[in-house]
């Protein structure tokens, strides 16, 4: 029973999620810069594949709002 409680308590997950959120925000700001446009097109595409300009979750919410 004690080990089951330990599995549920994972405060590091929240910290990791926050760091990923901040990293995505920084990347999206970088996408709007001239430095990003100066990068090789393949590098740009790879970065956009890893972190799209908009989250898919946001896109789904937007579609749901438009349909309503």
PDB file of N, CA and C in Angstrom:
ATOM      1  N   UNK A   1       0.821  -1.190   0.000  1.00  0.00           N
ATOM      2  CA  UNK A   1       0.000   0.000   0.000  1.00  0.00           C
ATOM      3  C   UNK A   1       0.868   1.257   0.000  1.00  0.00           C
ATOM      4  N   UNK A   2       1.943   1.208   0.757  1.00  0.00           N
ATOM      5  CA  UNK A   2       2.839   2.361   0.827  1.00  0.00           C
ATOM      6  C   UNK A   2       3.485   2.643  -0.534  1.00  0.00           C
ATOM      7  N   UNK A   3       3.855   1.595  -1.257  1.00  0.00           N
ATOM      8  CA  UNK A   3       4.478   1.801  -2.565  1.00  0.00           C
ATOM      9  C   UNK A   3       3.481   2.380  -3.562  1.00  0.00           C
ATOM     10  N   UNK A   4       2.203   2.047  -3.408  1.00  0.00           N
ATOM     11  CA  UNK A   4       1.179   2.597  -4.299  1.00  0.00           C
ATOM     12  C   UNK A   4       1.074   4.112  -4.120  1.00  0.00           C
ATOM     13  N   UNK A   5       1.167   4.597  -2.886  1.00  0.00           N
ATOM     14  CA  UNK A   5       1.112   6.036  -2.636  1.00  0.00           C
ATOM     15  C   UNK A   5       2.331   6.735  -3.235  1.00  0.00           C
ATOM     16  N   UNK A   6       3.475   6.109  -3.163  1.00  0.00           N
ATOM     17  CA  UNK A   6       4.698   6.697  -3.710  1.00  0.00           C
ATOM     18  C   UNK A   6       4.580   6.894  -5.219  1.00  0.00           C
ATOM     19  N   UNK A   7       3.933   5.973  -5.902  1.00  0.00           N
ATOM     20  CA  UNK A   7       3.794   6.080  -7.351  1.00  0.00           C
ATOM     21  C   UNK A   7       2.934   7.279  -7.741  1.00  0.00           C
ATOM     22  N   UNK A   8       1.935   7.596  -6.951  1.00  0.00           N
ATOM     23  CA  UNK A   8       1.039   8.697  -7.273  1.00  0.00           C
ATOM     24  C   UNK A   8       1.668  10.060  -7.015  1.00  0.00           C
ATOM     25  N   UNK A   9       2.602  10.139  -6.093  1.00  0.00           N
ATOM     26  CA  UNK A   9       3.239  11.407  -5.745  1.00  0.00           C
ATOM     27  C   UNK A   9       4.461  11.611  -6.632  1.00  0.00           C
ATOM     28  N   UNK A  10       4.310  12.451  -7.650  1.00  0.00           N
ATOM     29  CA  UNK A  10       5.424  12.708  -8.559  1.00  0.00           C
ATOM     30  C   UNK A  10       5.495  14.203  -8.847  1.00  0.00           C
ATOM     31  N   UNK A  11       5.987  14.989  -7.901  1.00  0.00           N
ATOM     32  CA  UNK A  11       6.030  16.440  -8.092  1.00  0.00           C
ATOM     33  C   UNK A  11       6.945  16.861  -9.239  1.00  0.00           C
ATOM     34  N   UNK A  12       7.892  16.035  -9.598  1.00  0.00           N
ATOM     35  CA  UNK A  12       8.793  16.364 -10.697  1.00  0.00           C
ATOM     36  C   UNK A  12       8.080  16.474 -12.033  1.00  0.00           C
ATOM     37  N   UNK A  13       6.947  15.810 -12.159  1.00  0.00           N
ATOM     38  CA  UNK A  13       6.186  15.869 -13.410  1.00  0.00           C
ATOM     39  C   UNK A  13       5.683  17.283 -13.665  1.00  0.00           C
ATOM     40  N   UNK A  14       5.235  17.962 -12.617  1.00  0.00           N
ATOM     41  CA  UNK A  14       4.742  19.336 -12.778  1.00  0.00           C
ATOM     42  C   UNK A  14       5.880  20.274 -13.156  1.00  0.00           C
ATOM     43  N   UNK A  15       7.026  20.067 -12.547  1.00  0.00           N
ATOM     44  CA  UNK A  15       8.189  20.903 -12.846  1.00  0.00           C
ATOM     45  C   UNK A  15       8.616  20.686 -14.293  1.00  0.00           C
ATOM     46  N   UNK A  16       8.661  19.433 -14.721  1.00  0.00           N
ATOM     47  CA  UNK A  16       9.027  19.124 -16.102  1.00  0.00           C
ATOM     48  C   UNK A  16       8.039  19.704 -17.096  1.00  0.00           C
ATOM     49  N   UNK A  17       6.758  19.608 -16.780  1.00  0.00           N
ATOM     50  CA  UNK A  17       5.725  20.152 -17.671  1.00  0.00           C
ATOM     51  C   UNK A  17       5.862  21.667 -17.791  1.00  0.00           C
ATOM     52  N   UNK A  18       6.157  22.328 -16.694  1.00  0.00           N
ATOM     53  CA  UNK A  18       6.329  23.786 -16.722  1.00  0.00           C
ATOM     54  C   UNK A  18       7.551  24.171 -17.558  1.00  0.00           C
ATOM     55  N   UNK A  19       8.632  23.416 -17.420  1.00  0.00           N
ATOM     56  CA  UNK A  19       9.837  23.702 -18.212  1.00  0.00           C
ATOM     57  C   UNK A  19       9.571  23.509 -19.703  1.00  0.00           C
ATOM     58  N   UNK A  20       8.834  22.460 -20.050  1.00  0.00           N
ATOM     59  CA  UNK A  20       8.498  22.240 -21.458  1.00  0.00           C
ATOM     60  C   UNK A  20       7.605  23.350 -21.989  1.00  0.00           C
ATOM     61  N   UNK A  21       6.666  23.818 -21.172  1.00  0.00           N
ATOM     62  CA  UNK A  21       5.775  24.903 -21.586  1.00  0.00           C
ATOM     63  C   UNK A  21       6.573  26.179 -21.860  1.00  0.00           C
ATOM     64  N   UNK A  22       7.509  26.495 -20.973  1.00  0.00           N
ATOM     65  CA  UNK A  22       8.348  27.688 -21.142  1.00  0.00           C
ATOM     66  C   UNK A  22       9.231  27.538 -22.385  1.00  0.00           C
ATOM     67  N   UNK A  23       9.786  26.350 -22.597  1.00  0.00           N
ATOM     68  CA  UNK A  23      10.627  26.123 -23.776  1.00  0.00           C
ATOM     69  C   UNK A  23       9.828  26.299 -25.060  1.00  0.00           C
ATOM     70  N   UNK A  24       8.593  25.799 -25.091  1.00  0.00           N
ATOM     71  CA  UNK A  24       7.742  25.976 -26.276  1.00  0.00           C
ATOM     72  C   UNK A  24       7.440  27.448 -26.514  1.00  0.00           C
ATOM     73  N   UNK A  25       7.199  28.185 -25.443  1.00  0.00           N
ATOM     74  CA  UNK A  25       6.907  29.610 -25.559  1.00  0.00           C
ATOM     75  C   UNK A  25       8.121  30.361 -26.138  1.00  0.00           C
ATOM     76  N   UNK A  26       9.313  30.027 -25.657  1.00  0.00           N
ATOM     77  CA  UNK A  26      10.536  30.661 -26.147  1.00  0.00           C
ATOM     78  C   UNK A  26      10.754  30.325 -27.621  1.00  0.00           C
ATOM     79  N   UNK A  27      10.538  29.055 -27.983  1.00  0.00           N
ATOM     80  CA  UNK A  27      10.695  28.667 -29.384  1.00  0.00           C
ATOM     81  C   UNK A  27       9.711  29.396 -30.282  1.00  0.00           C
ATOM     82  N   UNK A  28       8.482  29.545 -29.850  1.00  0.00           N
ATOM     83  CA  UNK A  28       7.476  30.235 -30.663  1.00  0.00           C
ATOM     84  C   UNK A  28       7.829  31.710 -30.842  1.00  0.00           C
ATOM     85  N   UNK A  29       8.422  32.309 -29.822  1.00  0.00           N
ATOM     86  CA  UNK A  29       8.903  33.690 -29.973  1.00  0.00           C
ATOM     87  C   UNK A  29      10.060  33.743 -30.976  1.00  0.00           C
ATOM     88  N   UNK A  30      10.924  32.735 -30.920  1.00  0.00           N
ATOM     89  CA  UNK A  30      12.066  32.674 -31.836  1.00  0.00           C
ATOM     90  C   UNK A  30      11.603  32.495 -33.281  1.00  0.00           C
ATOM     91  N   UNK A  31      10.520  31.755 -33.491  1.00  0.00           N
ATOM     92  CA  UNK A  31       9.997  31.541 -34.842  1.00  0.00           C
ATOM     93  C   UNK A  31       9.646  32.861 -35.525  1.00  0.00           C
ATOM     94  N   UNK A  32       9.287  33.863 -34.755  1.00  0.00           N
ATOM     95  CA  UNK A  32       8.897  35.159 -35.310  1.00  0.00           C
ATOM     96  C   UNK A  32      10.096  36.071 -35.583  1.00  0.00           C
ATOM     97  N   UNK A  33      11.285  35.639 -35.191  1.00  0.00           N
ATOM     98  CA  UNK A  33      12.466  36.491 -35.330  1.00  0.00           C
ATOM     99  C   UNK A  33      13.113  36.344 -36.708  1.00  0.00           C
ATOM    100  N   UNK A  34      13.965  37.307 -37.017  1.00  0.00           N
ATOM    101  CA  UNK A  34      14.705  37.266 -38.278  1.00  0.00           C
ATOM    102  C   UNK A  34      15.758  36.163 -38.246  1.00  0.00           C
ATOM    103  N   UNK A  35      16.286  35.872 -37.066  1.00  0.00           N
ATOM    104  CA  UNK A  35      17.292  34.820 -36.938  1.00  0.00           C
ATOM    105  C   UNK A  35      16.734  33.472 -37.385  1.00  0.00           C
ATOM    106  N   UNK A  36      15.471  33.206 -37.063  1.00  0.00           N
ATOM    107  CA  UNK A  36      14.850  31.951 -37.480  1.00  0.00           C
ATOM    108  C   UNK A  36      14.726  31.902 -38.999  1.00  0.00           C
ATOM    109  N   UNK A  37      14.338  33.011 -39.600  1.00  0.00           N
ATOM    110  CA  UNK A  37      14.180  33.032 -41.059  1.00  0.00           C
ATOM    111  C   UNK A  37      15.525  32.902 -41.776  1.00  0.00           C
ATOM    112  N   UNK A  38      16.622  33.204 -41.087  1.00  0.00           N
ATOM    113  CA  UNK A  38      17.952  33.060 -41.674  1.00  0.00           C
ATOM    114  C   UNK A  38      18.476  31.627 -41.603  1.00  0.00           C
ATOM    115  N   UNK A  39      17.814  30.769 -40.842  1.00  0.00           N
ATOM    116  CA  UNK A  39      18.252  29.379 -40.725  1.00  0.00           C
ATOM    117  C   UNK A  39      17.965  28.617 -42.013  1.00  0.00           C
ATOM    118  N   UNK A  40      18.707  27.537 -42.203  1.00  0.00           N
ATOM    119  CA  UNK A  40      18.480  26.617 -43.310  1.00  0.00           C
ATOM    120  C   UNK A  40      17.037  26.111 -43.242  1.00  0.00           C
ATOM    121  N   UNK A  41      16.394  25.960 -44.381  1.00  0.00           N
ATOM    122  CA  UNK A  41      14.982  25.547 -44.420  1.00  0.00           C
ATOM    123  C   UNK A  41      14.766  24.192 -43.753  1.00  0.00           C
ATOM    124  N   UNK A  42      15.708  23.265 -43.909  1.00  0.00           N
ATOM    125  CA  UNK A  42      15.568  21.946 -43.280  1.00  0.00           C
ATOM    126  C   UNK A  42      15.608  22.069 -41.754  1.00  0.00           C
ATOM    127  N   UNK A  43      16.427  22.962 -41.247  1.00  0.00           N
ATOM    128  CA  UNK A  43      16.496  23.192 -39.799  1.00  0.00           C
ATOM    129  C   UNK A  43      15.180  23.795 -39.314  1.00  0.00           C
ATOM    130  N   UNK A  44      14.650  24.750 -40.074  1.00  0.00           N
ATOM    131  CA  UNK A  44      13.362  25.355 -39.720  1.00  0.00           C
ATOM    132  C   UNK A  44      12.270  24.294 -39.655  1.00  0.00           C
ATOM    133  N   UNK A  45      12.214  23.434 -40.668  1.00  0.00           N
ATOM    134  CA  UNK A  45      11.185  22.394 -40.706  1.00  0.00           C
ATOM    135  C   UNK A  45      11.333  21.413 -39.546  1.00  0.00           C
ATOM    136  N   UNK A  46      12.580  21.067 -39.211  1.00  0.00           N
ATOM    137  CA  UNK A  46      12.812  20.154 -38.090  1.00  0.00           C
ATOM    138  C   UNK A  46      12.348  20.778 -36.776  1.00  0.00           C
ATOM    139  N   UNK A  47      12.647  22.054 -36.585  1.00  0.00           N
ATOM    140  CA  UNK A  47      12.219  22.736 -35.362  1.00  0.00           C
ATOM    141  C   UNK A  47      10.700  22.827 -35.292  1.00  0.00           C
ATOM    142  N   UNK A  48      10.076  23.127 -36.427  1.00  0.00           N
ATOM    143  CA  UNK A  48       8.618  23.234 -36.452  1.00  0.00           C
ATOM    144  C   UNK A  48       7.953  21.882 -36.224  1.00  0.00           C
ATOM    145  N   UNK A  49       8.622  20.813 -36.627  1.00  0.00           N
ATOM    146  CA  UNK A  49       8.083  19.471 -36.389  1.00  0.00           C
ATOM    147  C   UNK A  49       8.119  19.140 -34.898  1.00  0.00           C
ATOM    148  N   UNK A  50       9.201  19.542 -34.234  1.00  0.00           N
ATOM    149  CA  UNK A  50       9.330  19.272 -32.801  1.00  0.00           C
ATOM    150  C   UNK A  50       8.398  20.133 -31.964  1.00  0.00           C
ATOM    151  N   UNK A  51       8.230  21.376 -32.376  1.00  0.00           N
ATOM    152  CA  UNK A  51       7.381  22.306 -31.635  1.00  0.00           C
ATOM    153  C   UNK A  51       6.604  23.160 -32.628  1.00  0.00           C
ATOM    154  N   UNK A  52       5.388  22.737 -32.984  1.00  0.00           N
ATOM    155  CA  UNK A  52       4.589  23.505 -33.946  1.00  0.00           C
ATOM    156  C   UNK A  52       4.279  24.908 -33.437  1.00  0.00           C
ATOM    157  N   UNK A  53       3.886  25.772 -34.355  1.00  0.00           N
ATOM    158  CA  UNK A  53       3.576  27.150 -33.994  1.00  0.00           C
ATOM    159  C   UNK A  53       2.409  27.182 -33.015  1.00  0.00           C
ATOM    160  N   UNK A  54       1.431  26.300 -33.197  1.00  0.00           N
ATOM    161  CA  UNK A  54       0.310  26.196 -32.261  1.00  0.00           C
ATOM    162  C   UNK A  54       0.197  24.767 -31.773  1.00  0.00           C
ATOM    163  N   UNK A  55      -0.216  24.609 -30.511  1.00  0.00           N
ATOM    164  CA  UNK A  55      -0.454  23.277 -29.968  1.00  0.00           C
ATOM    165  C   UNK A  55      -1.624  22.634 -30.676  1.00  0.00           C
ATOM    166  N   UNK A  56      -1.567  21.323 -30.834  1.00  0.00           N
ATOM    167  CA  UNK A  56      -2.693  20.604 -31.425  1.00  0.00           C
ATOM    168  C   UNK A  56      -3.908  20.701 -30.521  1.00  0.00           C
ATOM    169  N   UNK A  57      -3.688  20.735 -29.209  1.00  0.00           N
ATOM    170  CA  UNK A  57      -4.810  20.861 -28.268  1.00  0.00           C
ATOM    171  C   UNK A  57      -5.515  22.198 -28.466  1.00  0.00           C
ATOM    172  N   UNK A  58      -4.743  23.246 -28.697  1.00  0.00           N
ATOM    173  CA  UNK A  58      -5.336  24.565 -28.944  1.00  0.00           C
ATOM    174  C   UNK A  58      -6.120  24.546 -30.244  1.00  0.00           C
ATOM    175  N   UNK A  59      -5.578  23.869 -31.258  1.00  0.00           N
ATOM    176  CA  UNK A  59      -6.275  23.781 -32.537  1.00  0.00           C
ATOM    177  C   UNK A  59      -7.611  23.072 -32.371  1.00  0.00           C
ATOM    178  N   UNK A  60      -7.629  22.010 -31.587  1.00  0.00           N
ATOM    179  CA  UNK A  60      -8.860  21.254 -31.387  1.00  0.00           C
ATOM    180  C   UNK A  60      -9.885  22.089 -30.646  1.00  0.00           C
ATOM    181  N   UNK A  61      -9.447  22.868 -29.668  1.00  0.00           N
ATOM    182  CA  UNK A  61     -10.372  23.734 -28.936  1.00  0.00           C
ATOM    183  C   UNK A  61     -10.937  24.797 -29.864  1.00  0.00           C
ATOM    184  N   UNK A  62     -10.091  25.348 -30.724  1.00  0.00           N
ATOM    185  CA  UNK A  62     -10.542  26.362 -31.670  1.00  0.00           C
ATOM    186  C   UNK A  62     -11.563  25.805 -32.638  1.00  0.00           C
ATOM    187  N   UNK A  63     -11.344  24.580 -33.095  1.00  0.00           N
ATOM    188  CA  UNK A  63     -12.293  23.941 -34.009  1.00  0.00           C
ATOM    189  C   UNK A  63     -13.608  23.706 -33.295  1.00  0.00           C
ATOM    190  N   UNK A  64     -13.544  23.259 -32.050  1.00  0.00           N
ATOM    191  CA  UNK A  64     -14.767  23.008 -31.287  1.00  0.00           C
ATOM    192  C   UNK A  64     -15.548  24.304 -31.084  1.00  0.00           C
ATOM    193  N   UNK A  65     -14.827  25.403 -30.828  1.00  0.00           N
ATOM    194  CA  UNK A  65     -15.505  26.691 -30.645  1.00  0.00           C
ATOM    195  C   UNK A  65     -16.155  27.161 -31.944  1.00  0.00           C
ATOM    196  N   UNK A  66     -15.461  26.947 -33.060  1.00  0.00           N
ATOM    197  CA  UNK A  66     -16.016  27.375 -34.347  1.00  0.00           C
ATOM    198  C   UNK A  66     -17.243  26.561 -34.723  1.00  0.00           C
ATOM    199  N   UNK A  67     -17.252  25.276 -34.346  1.00  0.00           N
ATOM    200  CA  UNK A  67     -18.392  24.421 -34.676  1.00  0.00           C
ATOM    201  C   UNK A  67     -19.602  24.721 -33.806  1.00  0.00           C
ATOM    202  N   UNK A  68     -19.361  25.226 -32.603  1.00  0.00           N
ATOM    203  CA  UNK A  68     -20.469  25.482 -31.666  1.00  0.00           C
ATOM    204  C   UNK A  68     -21.292  26.686 -32.048  1.00  0.00           C
TER     205      UNK A  68
END
